[in-house]
Amino acid sequence: MLTGKFKRGVSPEASDSRAGYMADLKKQGKAEWSTYDEVKDREDYWNLVAILKRIAKGKGGYYKG
């Protein structure tokens, strides 16, 4: 989540991530399992991700998002 490829309210692309691939399988009616579905709409989860991104930037860590 800290790589910047996931955004709040935006479905991941099937070619960009495993979560996107799993979402694509689900759209096709195929069996899938993804923990992303469990957190994608949780406000507390996205707030935590935002805090971690700010910490990483402040510490000089790598963050490209």
Protein backbone atom coordinates (compact mmCIF):
# COMPACT_ATOMS: atom_id res chain seq x y z
CA MET A 1 0.00 0.00 0.00
CA LEU A 2 2.90 2.36 0.57
CA THR A 3 4.25 1.97 -2.96
CA GLY A 4 1.73 4.46 -4.31
CA LYS A 5 0.07 2.06 -6.73
CA PHE A 6 -3.12 1.96 -4.62
CA LYS A 7 -5.34 5.01 -4.23
CA ARG A 8 -8.44 5.53 -2.12
CA GLY A 9 -11.58 5.07 -4.23
CA VAL A 10 -9.69 3.80 -7.30
CA SER A 11 -9.76 0.15 -8.33
CA PRO A 12 -6.30 -1.25 -9.04
CA GLU A 13 -5.51 -2.29 -12.60
CA ALA A 14 -5.25 -6.03 -13.25
CA SER A 15 -1.83 -5.60 -14.85
CA ASP A 16 -0.42 -3.48 -11.98
CA SER A 17 -1.01 -5.60 -8.90
CA ARG A 18 -2.17 -8.88 -7.50
CA ALA A 19 -5.17 -7.09 -5.94
CA GLY A 20 -6.14 -5.77 -9.37
CA TYR A 21 -5.72 -9.21 -10.90
CA MET A 22 -7.96 -10.72 -8.24
CA ALA A 23 -10.59 -7.99 -8.77
CA ASP A 24 -10.52 -8.78 -12.50
CA LEU A 25 -11.09 -12.48 -11.78
CA LYS A 26 -14.05 -11.56 -9.57
CA LYS A 27 -15.58 -9.47 -12.38
CA GLN A 28 -15.28 -12.51 -14.66
CA GLY A 29 -17.13 -14.65 -12.11
CA LYS A 30 -14.07 -16.77 -11.38
CA ALA A 31 -12.92 -17.90 -7.96
CA GLU A 32 -10.71 -15.38 -6.21
CA TRP A 33 -9.50 -14.42 -2.76
CA SER A 34 -8.07 -11.05 -1.85
CA THR A 35 -7.56 -9.25 1.45
CA TYR A 36 -7.72 -5.97 -0.48
CA ASP A 37 -11.50 -6.34 -0.68
CA GLU A 38 -11.61 -6.44 3.11
CA VAL A 39 -9.91 -3.05 3.55
CA LYS A 40 -10.51 -1.05 0.37
CA ASP A 41 -13.54 0.80 1.76
CA ARG A 42 -12.37 1.23 5.35
CA GLU A 43 -11.68 4.85 6.23
CA ASP A 44 -9.49 3.92 9.22
CA TYR A 45 -7.26 1.83 6.96
CA TRP A 46 -6.70 4.65 4.44
CA ASN A 47 -6.08 7.11 7.29
CA LEU A 48 -3.38 4.80 8.64
CA VAL A 49 -1.79 4.51 5.19
CA ALA A 50 -1.73 8.32 4.91
CA ILE A 51 -0.01 8.60 8.30
CA LEU A 52 2.60 6.00 7.35
CA LYS A 53 3.31 7.83 4.08
CA ARG A 54 3.90 11.10 5.96
CA ILE A 55 6.24 9.34 8.38
CA ALA A 56 8.18 7.75 5.51
CA LYS A 57 8.57 11.11 3.76
CA GLY A 58 9.66 12.79 7.00
CA LYS A 59 12.28 10.13 7.70
CA GLY A 60 13.70 10.36 4.19
CA GLY A 61 12.35 6.94 3.28
CA TYR A 62 11.52 5.95 -0.24
CA TYR A 63 7.97 6.79 -1.21
CA LYS A 64 6.98 7.56 -4.77
CA GLY A 65 3.22 8.20 -4.38
